[in-house]
């Protein structure tokens, strides 16, 4: 092309990062479509927000009263997240690490868990003894592990689901 324009193939150079971003955006779109259908079937009003959080798609449903989609201790939310991940898998053939939130339940829970992690760190530093926390979901354990690591201590998960828990250990 002599008029100074680039061929379309050259203009859209594909890198691993842009490919990953496109894949995550596709996950979000598939999840949003699935969740919109679910809201329609359940006759629930909610808005769906999509985002990319680090290396995973994040989808949030916000609306008036969506507590039925959260359930006791987030159990319904966990199940809904797994169903949404399955819908993504069905469309893409790829395992999804999509994170679903409803009515900011996970965001609020994350704040609570960060405080639980800080208290456990303080207790371990004061006593020099390991502290075993209550059983948690994988999402909850990750939040606590991150807080513990940021404080310079170590932690590990022990037990089997659904009784798996975080053990915060003193510095060696």
C-alpha atoms as a PDB file:
ATOM      1  CA  UNK A   1       0.000   0.000   0.000  1.00  0.00           C
ATOM      2  CA  UNK A   2       1.654   3.174  -1.196  1.00  0.00           C
ATOM      3  CA  UNK A   3      -0.697   5.723   0.382  1.00  0.00           C
ATOM      4  CA  UNK A   4       0.906   5.328   3.840  1.00  0.00           C
ATOM      5  CA  UNK A   5      -1.851   3.146   5.316  1.00  0.00           C
ATOM      6  CA  UNK A   6      -0.975  -0.068   7.058  1.00  0.00           C
ATOM      7  CA  UNK A   7      -2.527  -3.359   6.179  1.00  0.00           C
ATOM      8  CA  UNK A   8      -5.163  -4.345   8.792  1.00  0.00           C
ATOM      9  CA  UNK A   9      -3.063  -7.357   9.825  1.00  0.00           C
ATOM     10  CA  UNK A  10      -0.111  -5.122  10.696  1.00  0.00           C
ATOM     11  CA  UNK A  11      -2.252  -2.639  12.636  1.00  0.00           C
ATOM     12  CA  UNK A  12      -3.553  -5.307  15.012  1.00  0.00           C
ATOM     13  CA  UNK A  13      -0.426  -6.954  16.290  1.00  0.00           C
ATOM     14  CA  UNK A  14      -1.312  -9.814  18.613  1.00  0.00           C
ATOM     15  CA  UNK A  15       0.689 -10.310  21.785  1.00  0.00           C
ATOM     16  CA  UNK A  16       0.152 -12.872  24.546  1.00  0.00           C
ATOM     17  CA  UNK A  17      -1.089 -10.078  26.832  1.00  0.00           C
ATOM     18  CA  UNK A  18      -3.677  -8.829  24.337  1.00  0.00           C
ATOM     19  CA  UNK A  19      -4.785 -12.399  23.616  1.00  0.00           C
ATOM     20  CA  UNK A  20      -5.252 -13.034  27.347  1.00  0.00           C
ATOM     21  CA  UNK A  21      -7.189  -9.782  27.724  1.00  0.00           C
ATOM     22  CA  UNK A  22      -9.452 -10.731  24.808  1.00  0.00           C
ATOM     23  CA  UNK A  23     -10.041 -14.167  26.337  1.00  0.00           C
ATOM     24  CA  UNK A  24     -10.946 -12.638  29.721  1.00  0.00           C
ATOM     25  CA  UNK A  25     -13.285 -10.146  28.067  1.00  0.00           C
ATOM     26  CA  UNK A  26     -14.937 -13.041  26.225  1.00  0.00           C
ATOM     27  CA  UNK A  27     -15.350 -14.892  29.554  1.00  0.00           C
ATOM     28  CA  UNK A  28     -17.001 -11.803  31.041  1.00  0.00           C
ATOM     29  CA  UNK A  29     -19.373 -11.488  28.082  1.00  0.00           C
ATOM     30  CA  UNK A  30     -20.383 -15.159  28.225  1.00  0.00           C
ATOM     31  CA  UNK A  31     -20.883 -14.963  31.996  1.00  0.00           C
ATOM     32  CA  UNK A  32     -22.926 -11.762  31.711  1.00  0.00           C
ATOM     33  CA  UNK A  33     -25.209 -13.328  29.082  1.00  0.00           C
ATOM     34  CA  UNK A  34     -25.689 -16.431  31.233  1.00  0.00           C
ATOM     35  CA  UNK A  35     -26.425 -14.366  34.358  1.00  0.00           C
ATOM     36  CA  UNK A  36     -28.840 -12.057  32.520  1.00  0.00           C
ATOM     37  CA  UNK A  37     -30.825 -15.110  31.433  1.00  0.00           C
ATOM     38  CA  UNK A  38     -30.804 -16.396  35.007  1.00  0.00           C
ATOM     39  CA  UNK A  39     -32.053 -13.061  36.355  1.00  0.00           C
ATOM     40  CA  UNK A  40     -34.835 -13.045  33.750  1.00  0.00           C
ATOM     41  CA  UNK A  41     -35.899 -16.596  34.607  1.00  0.00           C
ATOM     42  CA  UNK A  42     -35.890 -15.802  38.338  1.00  0.00           C
ATOM     43  CA  UNK A  43     -37.666 -12.483  37.680  1.00  0.00           C
ATOM     44  CA  UNK A  44     -34.972 -10.566  39.577  1.00  0.00           C
ATOM     45  CA  UNK A  45     -33.820  -7.048  38.832  1.00  0.00           C
ATOM     46  CA  UNK A  46     -30.083  -6.565  38.711  1.00  0.00           C
ATOM     47  CA  UNK A  47     -27.380  -4.800  36.769  1.00  0.00           C
ATOM     48  CA  UNK A  48     -24.308  -6.683  35.645  1.00  0.00           C
ATOM     49  CA  UNK A  49     -20.874  -5.078  35.813  1.00  0.00           C
ATOM     50  CA  UNK A  50     -17.891  -6.681  34.108  1.00  0.00           C
ATOM     51  CA  UNK A  51     -14.225  -6.078  34.865  1.00  0.00           C
ATOM     52  CA  UNK A  52     -10.817  -7.705  34.639  1.00  0.00           C
ATOM     53  CA  UNK A  53      -9.154  -8.174  38.021  1.00  0.00           C
ATOM     54  CA  UNK A  54      -5.526  -9.129  37.528  1.00  0.00           C
ATOM     55  CA  UNK A  55      -5.554 -12.396  35.615  1.00  0.00           C
ATOM     56  CA  UNK A  56      -9.228 -13.227  35.947  1.00  0.00           C
ATOM     57  CA  UNK A  57     -12.579 -12.004  34.751  1.00  0.00           C
ATOM     58  CA  UNK A  58     -14.762 -10.423  37.430  1.00  0.00           C
ATOM     59  CA  UNK A  59     -18.522 -10.103  37.108  1.00  0.00           C
ATOM     60  CA  UNK A  60     -20.777  -8.400  39.644  1.00  0.00           C
ATOM     61  CA  UNK A  61     -24.541  -8.366  39.962  1.00  0.00           C
ATOM     62  CA  UNK A  62     -25.938  -5.369  41.814  1.00  0.00           C
ATOM     63  CA  UNK A  63     -29.538  -4.585  42.509  1.00  0.00           C
ATOM     64  CA  UNK A  64     -32.265  -4.184  45.059  1.00  0.00           C
ATOM     65  CA  UNK A  65     -32.770  -7.424  46.977  1.00  0.00           C
ATOM     66  CA  UNK A  66     -30.490 -10.131  45.676  1.00  0.00           C
ATOM     67  CA  UNK A  67     -29.825 -11.832  49.014  1.00  0.00           C
ATOM     68  CA  UNK A  68     -31.321 -15.068  47.627  1.00  0.00           C
ATOM     69  CA  UNK A  69     -28.417 -15.176  45.165  1.00  0.00           C
ATOM     70  CA  UNK A  70     -25.917 -14.931  48.039  1.00  0.00           C
ATOM     71  CA  UNK A  71     -27.460 -17.349  50.510  1.00  0.00           C
ATOM     72  CA  UNK A  72     -26.241 -18.225  53.979  1.00  0.00           C
ATOM     73  CA  UNK A  73     -22.497 -17.551  54.269  1.00  0.00           C
ATOM     74  CA  UNK A  74     -22.305 -17.086  50.494  1.00  0.00           C
ATOM     75  CA  UNK A  75     -23.148 -20.725  49.704  1.00  0.00           C
ATOM     76  CA  UNK A  76     -25.579 -19.883  46.904  1.00  0.00           C
ATOM     77  CA  UNK A  77     -23.073 -17.379  45.498  1.00  0.00           C
ATOM     78  CA  UNK A  78     -20.378 -20.092  45.433  1.00  0.00           C
ATOM     79  CA  UNK A  79     -22.736 -22.455  43.589  1.00  0.00           C
ATOM     80  CA  UNK A  80     -23.794 -19.727  41.168  1.00  0.00           C
ATOM     81  CA  UNK A  81     -20.155 -18.922  40.480  1.00  0.00           C
ATOM     82  CA  UNK A  82     -19.449 -22.574  39.647  1.00  0.00           C
ATOM     83  CA  UNK A  83     -22.472 -22.736  37.331  1.00  0.00           C
ATOM     84  CA  UNK A  84     -21.307 -19.546  35.618  1.00  0.00           C
ATOM     85  CA  UNK A  85     -17.820 -20.994  35.204  1.00  0.00           C
ATOM     86  CA  UNK A  86     -19.391 -24.096  33.656  1.00  0.00           C
ATOM     87  CA  UNK A  87     -21.328 -21.908  31.203  1.00  0.00           C
ATOM     88  CA  UNK A  88     -18.054 -20.235  30.204  1.00  0.00           C
ATOM     89  CA  UNK A  89     -16.348 -23.632  29.855  1.00  0.00           C
ATOM     90  CA  UNK A  90     -19.203 -24.908  27.682  1.00  0.00           C
ATOM     91  CA  UNK A  91     -18.707 -21.973  25.283  1.00  0.00           C
ATOM     92  CA  UNK A  92     -14.902 -21.715  25.278  1.00  0.00           C
ATOM     93  CA  UNK A  93     -13.644 -25.198  26.138  1.00  0.00           C
ATOM     94  CA  UNK A  94     -11.300 -23.510  28.623  1.00  0.00           C
ATOM     95  CA  UNK A  95     -11.426 -23.694  32.416  1.00  0.00           C
ATOM     96  CA  UNK A  96     -12.456 -20.335  33.888  1.00  0.00           C
ATOM     97  CA  UNK A  97     -11.206 -18.653  37.070  1.00  0.00           C
ATOM     98  CA  UNK A  98     -14.002 -16.090  36.838  1.00  0.00           C
ATOM     99  CA  UNK A  99     -14.929 -14.385  40.106  1.00  0.00           C
ATOM    100  CA  UNK A 100     -18.605 -13.592  40.696  1.00  0.00           C
ATOM    101  CA  UNK A 101     -19.905 -11.122  43.258  1.00  0.00           C
ATOM    102  CA  UNK A 102     -23.504 -10.337  44.159  1.00  0.00           C
ATOM    103  CA  UNK A 103     -24.508  -7.127  45.968  1.00  0.00           C
ATOM    104  CA  UNK A 104     -20.859  -6.567  46.976  1.00  0.00           C
ATOM    105  CA  UNK A 105     -20.947  -9.638  49.235  1.00  0.00           C
ATOM    106  CA  UNK A 106     -17.413 -10.744  48.300  1.00  0.00           C
ATOM    107  CA  UNK A 107     -16.023  -7.199  48.479  1.00  0.00           C
ATOM    108  CA  UNK A 108     -17.460  -6.742  51.979  1.00  0.00           C
ATOM    109  CA  UNK A 109     -16.378 -10.236  53.028  1.00  0.00           C
ATOM    110  CA  UNK A 110     -12.854  -9.531  51.775  1.00  0.00           C
ATOM    111  CA  UNK A 111     -12.640  -6.502  54.088  1.00  0.00           C
ATOM    112  CA  UNK A 112     -13.810  -8.642  57.032  1.00  0.00           C
ATOM    113  CA  UNK A 113     -11.307 -11.396  56.196  1.00  0.00           C
ATOM    114  CA  UNK A 114      -8.424  -8.947  55.931  1.00  0.00           C
ATOM    115  CA  UNK A 115      -9.194  -7.952  59.518  1.00  0.00           C
ATOM    116  CA  UNK A 116      -9.356 -11.630  60.575  1.00  0.00           C
ATOM    117  CA  UNK A 117      -5.953 -12.136  58.949  1.00  0.00           C
ATOM    118  CA  UNK A 118      -4.445  -9.070  60.675  1.00  0.00           C
ATOM    119  CA  UNK A 119      -5.737 -10.228  64.080  1.00  0.00           C
ATOM    120  CA  UNK A 120      -4.302 -13.710  63.525  1.00  0.00           C
ATOM    121  CA  UNK A 121      -0.938 -12.188  62.552  1.00  0.00           C
ATOM    122  CA  UNK A 122      -0.943 -10.046  65.698  1.00  0.00           C
ATOM    123  CA  UNK A 123      -1.834 -13.067  67.846  1.00  0.00           C
ATOM    124  CA  UNK A 124       0.937 -15.204  66.313  1.00  0.00           C
ATOM    125  CA  UNK A 125       3.503 -12.424  66.734  1.00  0.00           C
ATOM    126  CA  UNK A 126       2.473 -11.910  70.376  1.00  0.00           C
ATOM    127  CA  UNK A 127       2.340 -15.597  71.367  1.00  0.00           C
ATOM    128  CA  UNK A 128       4.877 -17.188  69.034  1.00  0.00           C
ATOM    129  CA  UNK A 129       2.353 -20.009  68.520  1.00  0.00           C
ATOM    130  CA  UNK A 130       0.490 -21.055  65.373  1.00  0.00           C
ATOM    131  CA  UNK A 131      -3.138 -19.972  65.054  1.00  0.00           C
ATOM    132  CA  UNK A 132      -5.779 -22.139  63.354  1.00  0.00           C
ATOM    133  CA  UNK A 133      -8.671 -20.229  61.855  1.00  0.00           C
ATOM    134  CA  UNK A 134     -12.207 -21.406  61.196  1.00  0.00           C
ATOM    135  CA  UNK A 135     -12.918 -23.313  57.961  1.00  0.00           C
ATOM    136  CA  UNK A 136     -13.139 -21.087  54.893  1.00  0.00           C
ATOM    137  CA  UNK A 137     -13.865 -21.233  51.188  1.00  0.00           C
ATOM    138  CA  UNK A 138     -10.945 -21.092  48.741  1.00  0.00           C
ATOM    139  CA  UNK A 139     -11.666 -17.384  48.086  1.00  0.00           C
ATOM    140  CA  UNK A 140     -11.623 -16.630  51.815  1.00  0.00           C
ATOM    141  CA  UNK A 141      -8.416 -18.588  52.428  1.00  0.00           C
ATOM    142  CA  UNK A 142      -6.648 -16.740  49.613  1.00  0.00           C
ATOM    143  CA  UNK A 143      -7.530 -13.375  51.155  1.00  0.00           C
ATOM    144  CA  UNK A 144      -6.089 -14.464  54.518  1.00  0.00           C
ATOM    145  CA  UNK A 145      -2.970 -16.016  52.944  1.00  0.00           C
ATOM    146  CA  UNK A 146      -2.302 -12.708  51.164  1.00  0.00           C
ATOM    147  CA  UNK A 147      -2.613 -10.699  54.402  1.00  0.00           C
ATOM    148  CA  UNK A 148      -0.319 -13.109  56.255  1.00  0.00           C
ATOM    149  CA  UNK A 149       2.310 -13.013  53.492  1.00  0.00           C
ATOM    150  CA  UNK A 150       2.201  -9.200  53.412  1.00  0.00           C
ATOM    151  CA  UNK A 151       2.893  -9.214  57.183  1.00  0.00           C
ATOM    152  CA  UNK A 152       5.991 -11.367  56.658  1.00  0.00           C
ATOM    153  CA  UNK A 153       4.636 -14.569  58.208  1.00  0.00           C
ATOM    154  CA  UNK A 154       3.759 -17.869  56.593  1.00  0.00           C
ATOM    155  CA  UNK A 155       0.480 -19.744  56.422  1.00  0.00           C
ATOM    156  CA  UNK A 156      -0.818 -22.970  55.014  1.00  0.00           C
ATOM    157  CA  UNK A 157      -4.167 -24.583  54.446  1.00  0.00           C
ATOM    158  CA  UNK A 158      -4.985 -27.833  56.192  1.00  0.00           C
ATOM    159  CA  UNK A 159      -7.896 -30.237  56.194  1.00  0.00           C
ATOM    160  CA  UNK A 160     -10.328 -31.328  53.533  1.00  0.00           C
ATOM    161  CA  UNK A 161     -13.171 -29.363  51.961  1.00  0.00           C
ATOM    162  CA  UNK A 162     -15.506 -28.126  53.318  1.00  0.00           C
ATOM    163  CA  UNK A 163     -13.558 -28.010  56.613  1.00  0.00           C
ATOM    164  CA  UNK A 164     -10.327 -26.652  55.091  1.00  0.00           C
ATOM    165  CA  UNK A 165      -8.767 -23.886  57.176  1.00  0.00           C
ATOM    166  CA  UNK A 166      -5.797 -21.519  57.309  1.00  0.00           C
ATOM    167  CA  UNK A 167      -3.037 -22.032  59.871  1.00  0.00           C
ATOM    168  CA  UNK A 168      -0.920 -18.926  60.480  1.00  0.00           C
ATOM    169  CA  UNK A 169       2.595 -19.809  61.594  1.00  0.00           C
ATOM    170  CA  UNK A 170       5.227 -17.813  63.472  1.00  0.00           C
ATOM    171  CA  UNK A 171       8.288 -16.550  61.614  1.00  0.00           C
ATOM    172  CA  UNK A 172      11.145 -19.022  61.707  1.00  0.00           C
END
